[in-house]
C-alpha atoms as a PDB file:
ATOM      1  CA  MET A   1      96.892 112.378 109.514  1.00  0.00           C
ATOM      2  CA  ILE A   2      99.964 110.353 110.367  1.00  0.00           C
ATOM      3  CA  LYS A   3     100.562 106.992 108.504  1.00  0.00           C
ATOM      4  CA  PHE A   4     102.466 104.115 109.880  1.00  0.00           C
ATOM      5  CA  PHE A   5     104.133 101.426 107.705  1.00  0.00           C
ATOM      6  CA  GLY A   6     105.203  98.122 109.225  1.00  0.00           C
ATOM      7  CA  LEU A   7     107.222  96.002 106.649  1.00  0.00           C
ATOM      8  CA  ILE A   8     106.699  92.456 107.689  1.00  0.00           C
ATOM      9  CA  PRO A   9     108.989  89.599 106.826  1.00  0.00           C
ATOM     10  CA  ARG A  10     107.731  86.067 107.024  1.00  0.00           C
ATOM     11  CA  ARG A  11     108.954  83.638 109.743  1.00  0.00           C
ATOM     12  CA  PRO A  12     111.249  81.329 107.696  1.00  0.00           C
ATOM     13  CA  ASP A  13     109.792  78.138 109.163  1.00  0.00           C
ATOM     14  CA  ILE A  14     106.162  78.672 108.028  1.00  0.00           C
ATOM     15  CA  SER A  15     104.696  78.689 104.551  1.00  0.00           C
ATOM     16  CA  SER A  16     103.536  81.701 102.608  1.00  0.00           C
ATOM     17  CA  GLN A  17     100.006  80.541 102.846  1.00  0.00           C
ATOM     18  CA  GLU A  18     100.270  80.102 106.655  1.00  0.00           C
ATOM     19  CA  PHE A  19     101.652  83.571 106.961  1.00  0.00           C
ATOM     20  CA  HIS A  20      99.028  85.342 104.932  1.00  0.00           C
ATOM     21  CA  ASP A  21      96.132  83.361 106.495  1.00  0.00           C
ATOM     22  CA  HIS A  22      97.432  84.102 110.057  1.00  0.00           C
ATOM     23  CA  TYR A  23      98.034  87.778 109.320  1.00  0.00           C
ATOM     24  CA  ARG A  24      94.401  88.161 108.105  1.00  0.00           C
ATOM     25  CA  HIS A  25      92.994  86.171 111.039  1.00  0.00           C
ATOM     26  CA  PRO A  26      93.547  86.177 113.896  1.00  0.00           C
ATOM     27  CA  HIS A  27      96.054  89.015 113.652  1.00  0.00           C
ATOM     28  CA  GLY A  28      94.063  91.361 111.486  1.00  0.00           C
ATOM     29  CA  THR A  29      90.903  90.734 113.401  1.00  0.00           C
ATOM     30  CA  LEU A  30      92.660  91.585 116.647  1.00  0.00           C
ATOM     31  CA  GLY A  31      94.465  94.591 115.274  1.00  0.00           C
ATOM     32  CA  ARG A  32      91.301  96.334 113.900  1.00  0.00           C
ATOM     33  CA  MET A  33      90.092  96.583 117.409  1.00  0.00           C
ATOM     34  CA  ILE A  34      92.762  99.089 118.526  1.00  0.00           C
ATOM     35  CA  PRO A  35      90.763 102.317 119.321  1.00  0.00           C
ATOM     36  CA  THR A  36      93.354 104.838 117.997  1.00  0.00           C
ATOM     37  CA  PHE A  37      93.419 103.281 114.496  1.00  0.00           C
ATOM     38  CA  ARG A  38      91.669 105.675 112.103  1.00  0.00           C
ATOM     39  CA  ALA A  39      92.252 103.269 109.209  1.00  0.00           C
ATOM     40  CA  TYR A  40      93.937  99.874 108.950  1.00  0.00           C
ATOM     41  CA  ILE A  41      95.131  98.222 105.711  1.00  0.00           C
ATOM     42  CA  GLN A  42      97.029  94.980 105.120  1.00  0.00           C
ATOM     43  CA  SER A  43      99.039  94.864 101.874  1.00  0.00           C
ATOM     44  CA  HIS A  44      99.850  91.263 100.957  1.00  0.00           C
ATOM     45  CA  GLN A  45     102.828  90.702  98.638  1.00  0.00           C
ATOM     46  CA  ILE A  46     102.033  89.430  95.111  1.00  0.00           C
ATOM     47  CA  GLU A  47     104.787  87.724  93.070  1.00  0.00           C
ATOM     48  CA  SER A  48     105.447  89.502  89.756  1.00  0.00           C
ATOM     49  CA  GLY A  49     107.687  88.584  86.843  1.00  0.00           C
ATOM     50  CA  LEU A  50     108.233  92.292  86.247  1.00  0.00           C
ATOM     51  CA  LEU A  51     110.097  92.788  89.623  1.00  0.00           C
ATOM     52  CA  GLY A  52     113.371  91.463  90.961  1.00  0.00           C
ATOM     53  CA  PRO A  53     114.169  89.147  93.806  1.00  0.00           C
ATOM     54  CA  ASP A  54     113.943  91.941  96.468  1.00  0.00           C
ATOM     55  CA  GLN A  55     110.195  91.869  96.032  1.00  0.00           C
ATOM     56  CA  ARG A  56     110.170  88.942  98.496  1.00  0.00           C
ATOM     57  CA  ARG A  57     112.050  90.571 101.302  1.00  0.00           C
ATOM     58  CA  PHE A  58     108.712  91.503 102.954  1.00  0.00           C
ATOM     59  CA  GLU A  59     105.730  89.247 102.781  1.00  0.00           C
ATOM     60  CA  ALA A  60     103.369  92.055 103.737  1.00  0.00           C
ATOM     61  CA  VAL A  61     103.033  95.679 104.794  1.00  0.00           C
ATOM     62  CA  ALA A  62     100.860  97.005 107.602  1.00  0.00           C
ATOM     63  CA  GLU A  63      99.408 100.435 107.029  1.00  0.00           C
ATOM     64  CA  VAL A  64      97.740 102.317 109.802  1.00  0.00           C
ATOM     65  CA  TRP A  65      96.570 105.916 110.215  1.00  0.00           C
ATOM     66  CA  PHE A  66      96.569 107.969 113.373  1.00  0.00           C
ATOM     67  CA  ASP A  67      95.163 111.437 114.189  1.00  0.00           C
ATOM     68  CA  THR A  68      98.169 112.622 116.238  1.00  0.00           C
ATOM     69  CA  PRO A  69     101.778 111.823 117.075  1.00  0.00           C
ATOM     70  CA  ALA A  70     100.737 111.059 120.617  1.00  0.00           C
ATOM     71  CA  ASP A  71      98.268 108.455 119.228  1.00  0.00           C
ATOM     72  CA  ALA A  72     100.945 107.006 117.007  1.00  0.00           C
ATOM     73  CA  LEU A  73     103.561 106.671 119.692  1.00  0.00           C
ATOM     74  CA  GLY A  74     100.997 105.519 122.236  1.00  0.00           C
ATOM     75  CA  LEU A  75     100.393 102.224 120.340  1.00  0.00           C
ATOM     76  CA  ALA A  76     103.225 100.702 122.226  1.00  0.00           C
ATOM     77  CA  ASP A  77     101.306 101.272 125.464  1.00  0.00           C
ATOM     78  CA  ASP A  78      97.826 100.493 124.315  1.00  0.00           C
ATOM     79  CA  PRO A  79      96.297  97.785 126.511  1.00  0.00           C
ATOM     80  CA  HIS A  80      94.604  95.864 123.685  1.00  0.00           C
ATOM     81  CA  TYR A  81      97.814  95.922 121.672  1.00  0.00           C
ATOM     82  CA  LEU A  82      99.873  94.673 124.638  1.00  0.00           C
ATOM     83  CA  LYS A  83      97.459  91.989 125.641  1.00  0.00           C
ATOM     84  CA  TYR A  84      96.489  90.560 122.201  1.00  0.00           C
ATOM     85  CA  VAL A  85      98.327  91.930 119.219  1.00  0.00           C
ATOM     86  CA  GLN A  86     101.890  92.125 120.299  1.00  0.00           C
ATOM     87  CA  PRO A  87     102.104  88.529 121.747  1.00  0.00           C
ATOM     88  CA  ASP A  88     100.757  87.229 118.428  1.00  0.00           C
ATOM     89  CA  GLU A  89     103.432  88.807 116.254  1.00  0.00           C
ATOM     90  CA  PRO A  90     106.106  86.181 116.752  1.00  0.00           C
ATOM     91  CA  ASN A  91     103.646  83.440 115.634  1.00  0.00           C
ATOM     92  CA  PHE A  92     104.205  84.430 111.969  1.00  0.00           C
ATOM     93  CA  VAL A  93     106.730  87.390 111.792  1.00  0.00           C
ATOM     94  CA  ASP A  94     110.531  87.207 111.405  1.00  0.00           C
ATOM     95  CA  MET A  95     110.941  89.729 114.274  1.00  0.00           C
ATOM     96  CA  ASP A  96     114.558  90.341 113.845  1.00  0.00           C
ATOM     97  CA  ASN A  97     113.987  91.795 110.284  1.00  0.00           C
ATOM     98  CA  LEU A  98     110.839  93.717 110.908  1.00  0.00           C
ATOM     99  CA  LYS A  99     111.085  97.395 109.709  1.00  0.00           C
ATOM    100  CA  TRP A 100     108.810 100.387 110.319  1.00  0.00           C
ATOM    101  CA  LEU A 101     108.393 104.129 109.800  1.00  0.00           C
ATOM    102  CA  TYR A 102     105.775 106.968 110.317  1.00  0.00           C
ATOM    103  CA  VAL A 103     105.193 109.254 107.472  1.00  0.00           C
ATOM    104  CA  THR A 104     103.090 112.158 106.079  1.00  0.00           C
ATOM    105  CA  GLU A 105     101.578 111.696 102.608  1.00  0.00           C
ATOM    106  CA  ASP A 106     101.781 113.777  99.446  1.00  0.00           C
ATOM    107  CA  VAL A 107      99.183 112.865  96.817  1.00  0.00           C
ATOM    108  CA  LEU A 108     100.663 113.370  93.406  1.00  0.00           C
ATOM    109  CA  VAL A 109      97.809 111.668  91.331  1.00  0.00           C
ATOM    110  CA  SER A 110      94.356 111.358  92.989  1.00  0.00           C
ATOM    111  CA  GLY A 111      92.605 109.671  90.127  1.00  0.00           C
ATOM    112  CA  PRO A 112      92.258 109.369  86.325  1.00  0.00           C
ATOM    113  CA  ASP A 113      92.392 112.700  84.482  1.00  0.00           C
ATOM    114  CA  SER A 114      89.316 114.257  82.744  1.00  0.00           C
ATOM    115  CA  ALA A 115      90.207 112.865  79.349  1.00  0.00           C
ATOM    116  CA  SER A 116      89.919 109.197  80.499  1.00  0.00           C
ATOM    117  CA  GLU A 117      87.224 106.816  79.292  1.00  0.00           C
ATOM    118  CA  PRO A 118      84.153 106.510  81.475  1.00  0.00           C
ATOM    119  CA  ALA A 119      85.285 103.167  82.905  1.00  0.00           C
ATOM    120  CA  GLU A 120      88.498 104.794  84.098  1.00  0.00           C
ATOM    121  CA  LEU A 121      86.793 107.845  85.457  1.00  0.00           C
ATOM    122  CA  GLY A 122      84.686 105.546  87.581  1.00  0.00           C
ATOM    123  CA  LEU A 123      87.898 104.705  89.500  1.00  0.00           C
ATOM    124  CA  GLN A 124      87.905 108.025  91.196  1.00  0.00           C
ATOM    125  CA  GLY A 125      88.313 107.345  94.930  1.00  0.00           C
ATOM    126  CA  PHE A 126      88.322 103.629  94.339  1.00  0.00           C
ATOM    127  CA  HIS A 127      91.111 103.020  96.872  1.00  0.00           C
ATOM    128  CA  LEU A 128      88.615 104.199  99.550  1.00  0.00           C
ATOM    129  CA  GLU A 129      85.494 102.555  98.111  1.00  0.00           C
ATOM    130  CA  ARG A 130      86.856  99.035  97.428  1.00  0.00           C
ATOM    131  CA  ALA A 131      87.798  96.497  99.955  1.00  0.00           C
ATOM    132  CA  THR A 132      90.842  95.353  97.932  1.00  0.00           C
ATOM    133  CA  THR A 133      93.113  97.239  95.539  1.00  0.00           C
ATOM    134  CA  VAL A 134      96.395  96.460  93.696  1.00  0.00           C
ATOM    135  CA  LYS A 135      99.438  98.720  94.187  1.00  0.00           C
ATOM    136  CA  LEU A 136     103.186  98.953  93.670  1.00  0.00           C
ATOM    137  CA  MET A 137     104.969  99.931  96.913  1.00  0.00           C
ATOM    138  CA  GLN A 138     108.583 101.322  96.787  1.00  0.00           C
ATOM    139  CA  PHE A 139     110.636 101.903  99.986  1.00  0.00           C
ATOM    140  CA  ILE A 140     113.681 103.997  99.399  1.00  0.00           C
ATOM    141  CA  ASP A 141     116.761 103.625 101.606  1.00  0.00           C
ATOM    142  CA  ASP A 142     118.825 106.533 100.242  1.00  0.00           C
ATOM    143  CA  ASP A 143     119.130 110.276 100.227  1.00  0.00           C
ATOM    144  CA  PRO A 144     115.704 111.669 101.591  1.00  0.00           C
ATOM    145  CA  ALA A 145     115.566 114.039  98.611  1.00  0.00           C
ATOM    146  CA  PHE A 146     113.863 112.387  95.551  1.00  0.00           C
ATOM    147  CA  ALA A 147     115.842 112.225  92.303  1.00  0.00           C
ATOM    148  CA  ARG A 148     112.761 113.311  90.419  1.00  0.00           C
ATOM    149  CA  THR A 149     110.619 116.311  91.030  1.00  0.00           C
ATOM    150  CA  PRO A 150     106.828 115.869  91.873  1.00  0.00           C
ATOM    151  CA  ASP A 151     105.967 116.914  88.284  1.00  0.00           C
ATOM    152  CA  GLU A 152     108.457 114.297  86.885  1.00  0.00           C
ATOM    153  CA  ASP A 153     107.070 111.565  89.149  1.00  0.00           C
ATOM    154  CA  ARG A 154     103.444 112.524  88.274  1.00  0.00           C
ATOM    155  CA  ALA A 155     104.161 112.199  84.602  1.00  0.00           C
ATOM    156  CA  LEU A 156     105.842 108.873  85.250  1.00  0.00           C
ATOM    157  CA  SER A 157     102.870 107.371  87.106  1.00  0.00           C
ATOM    158  CA  ARG A 158     100.560 108.615  84.335  1.00  0.00           C
ATOM    159  CA  SER A 159     102.633 106.930  81.686  1.00  0.00           C
ATOM    160  CA  LEU A 160     102.452 103.731  83.780  1.00  0.00           C
ATOM    161  CA  GLY A 161      98.745 103.870  83.834  1.00  0.00           C
ATOM    162  CA  ALA A 162      98.409 104.188  87.649  1.00  0.00           C
ATOM    163  CA  VAL A 163      95.185 105.735  88.763  1.00  0.00           C
ATOM    164  CA  ARG A 164      96.687 107.033  92.042  1.00  0.00           C
ATOM    165  CA  HIS A 165     100.175 107.978  93.234  1.00  0.00           C
ATOM    166  CA  VAL A 166     101.216 108.878  96.757  1.00  0.00           C
ATOM    167  CA  ARG A 167     104.753 109.881  97.914  1.00  0.00           C
ATOM    168  CA  SER A 168     105.453 109.942 101.711  1.00  0.00           C
ATOM    169  CA  LEU A 169     108.366 111.293 103.860  1.00  0.00           C
ATOM    170  CA  PRO A 170     109.211 110.362 107.454  1.00  0.00           C
ATOM    171  CA  HIS A 171     107.234 112.336 110.025  1.00  0.00           C
ATOM    172  CA  SER A 172     109.729 114.882 111.280  1.00  0.00           C
ATOM    173  CA  GLU A 173     108.449 115.053 114.853  1.00  0.00           C
ATOM    174  CA  ILE A 174     108.049 111.246 115.456  1.00  0.00           C
ATOM    175  CA  HIS A 175     111.425 110.539 113.883  1.00  0.00           C
ATOM    176  CA  ALA A 176     113.281 113.481 115.426  1.00  0.00           C
ATOM    177  CA  ASP A 177     115.098 111.174 117.807  1.00  0.00           C
ATOM    178  CA  GLN A 178     114.790 107.783 116.060  1.00  0.00           C
ATOM    179  CA  SER A 179     115.817 107.140 112.525  1.00  0.00           C
ATOM    180  CA  PRO A 180     113.176 105.666 110.182  1.00  0.00           C
ATOM    181  CA  ALA A 181     113.854 102.406 108.410  1.00  0.00           C
ATOM    182  CA  TYR A 182     113.460 104.132 104.998  1.00  0.00           C
ATOM    183  CA  SER A 183     113.801 107.696 103.801  1.00  0.00           C
ATOM    184  CA  ALA A 184     110.784 107.737 101.505  1.00  0.00           C
ATOM    185  CA  VAL A 185     107.837 105.585 100.281  1.00  0.00           C
ATOM    186  CA  GLN A 186     106.056 105.655  96.949  1.00  0.00           C
ATOM    187  CA  GLU A 187     102.665 103.979  96.256  1.00  0.00           C
ATOM    188  CA  LEU A 188     100.988 103.559  92.855  1.00  0.00           C
ATOM    189  CA  TRP A 189      97.544 101.979  92.378  1.00  0.00           C
ATOM    190  CA  TRP A 190      95.889  99.962  89.592  1.00  0.00           C
ATOM    191  CA  PRO A 191      92.440  98.467  89.570  1.00  0.00           C
ATOM    192  CA  THR A 192      93.698  94.881  88.901  1.00  0.00           C
ATOM    193  CA  ILE A 193      96.901  92.864  88.566  1.00  0.00           C
ATOM    194  CA  SER A 194      96.251  92.604  84.800  1.00  0.00           C
ATOM    195  CA  ALA A 195      95.899  96.309  84.564  1.00  0.00           C
ATOM    196  CA  PHE A 196      99.380  96.705  86.159  1.00  0.00           C
ATOM    197  CA  GLU A 197     100.997  94.052  83.959  1.00  0.00           C
ATOM    198  CA  GLU A 198      99.552  95.489  80.747  1.00  0.00           C
ATOM    199  CA  SER A 199     100.492  99.068  81.418  1.00  0.00           C
ATOM    200  CA  ALA A 200     103.688  98.781  83.370  1.00  0.00           C
ATOM    201  CA  SER A 201     105.726  96.308  81.249  1.00  0.00           C
ATOM    202  CA  SER A 202     107.759  98.968  79.581  1.00  0.00           C
ATOM    203  CA  GLU A 203     110.894 101.231  79.957  1.00  0.00           C
ATOM    204  CA  THR A 204     108.930 103.491  82.129  1.00  0.00           C
ATOM    205  CA  LEU A 205     108.676 100.805  84.803  1.00  0.00           C
ATOM    206  CA  ALA A 206     112.447 100.289  84.544  1.00  0.00           C
ATOM    207  CA  GLU A 207     112.864 104.011  85.293  1.00  0.00           C
ATOM    208  CA  PHE A 208     110.595 103.778  88.335  1.00  0.00           C
ATOM    209  CA  LEU A 209     112.562 100.768  89.602  1.00  0.00           C
ATOM    210  CA  SER A 210     115.991 102.406  89.060  1.00  0.00           C
ATOM    211  CA  VAL A 211     116.005 104.365  92.340  1.00  0.00           C
ATOM    212  CA  PRO A 212     119.129 103.369  94.219  1.00  0.00           C
ATOM    213  CA  GLY A 213     118.623 101.518  97.529  1.00  0.00           C
ATOM    214  CA  ALA A 214     114.868 100.808  96.888  1.00  0.00           C
ATOM    215  CA  ILE A 215     112.752  97.769  97.782  1.00  0.00           C
ATOM    216  CA  THR A 216     109.795  97.382  95.431  1.00  0.00           C
ATOM    217  CA  LEU A 217     106.893  94.951  95.694  1.00  0.00           C
ATOM    218  CA  LEU A 218     103.418  94.507  94.219  1.00  0.00           C
ATOM    219  CA  ALA A 219     100.765  93.919  96.838  1.00  0.00           C
ATOM    220  CA  GLN A 220      96.985  93.421  97.235  1.00  0.00           C
ATOM    221  CA  ALA A 221      95.898  95.950  99.696  1.00  0.00           C
ATOM    222  CA  GLU A 222      93.003  94.746 101.872  1.00  0.00           C
ATOM    223  CA  ARG A 223      91.114  97.394 103.888  1.00  0.00           C
ATOM    224  CA  PHE A 224      90.124  96.307 107.455  1.00  0.00           C
ATOM    225  CA  THR A 225      88.894  99.680 108.781  1.00  0.00           C
END
């Protein structure tokens, strides 16, 4: 499947609460009605003392899955989107600084390993089974080749205590004629904010954050469909 990321900056004249409330409803309620959406997640930025000031560049991230490139690119012409969703965007979004890209996913860590305690093993598939999850999202604006190999990144996420890790690259067909906003995306999941803070406050997190040209934020991911 094809995944879409929309990186959403808050309109500067509204409060953070107004932004998040409006994004959930009415915007999220309207968005989930688009027929080509196979899945729709809103990731709302969470302030973290473990991250730098760039974490506030985007107030939220829209995540949508499509079956085909035609469905993905057809969103711009979808009647429901044009009539209801697109006109609502300027009500809470800083449209001049909105960023987006289409990607394909590579799952590096799909869940806790077999040596984990029963409670951790129960988190297998939790990102699909729970309405809300917590994740670290990193958008890389640099060379499309990762500095670390998949095995190195997999070991890094394990040492951070993440229970899932996905790396994504721009979809080659969709971005053949239009450059993506970022060259790569990384997503690491934890069951709670406390679990992230307890396991990630280490030199390992500093290594993860050291990627040049990267924007990293912590978010609560809320599944709409």
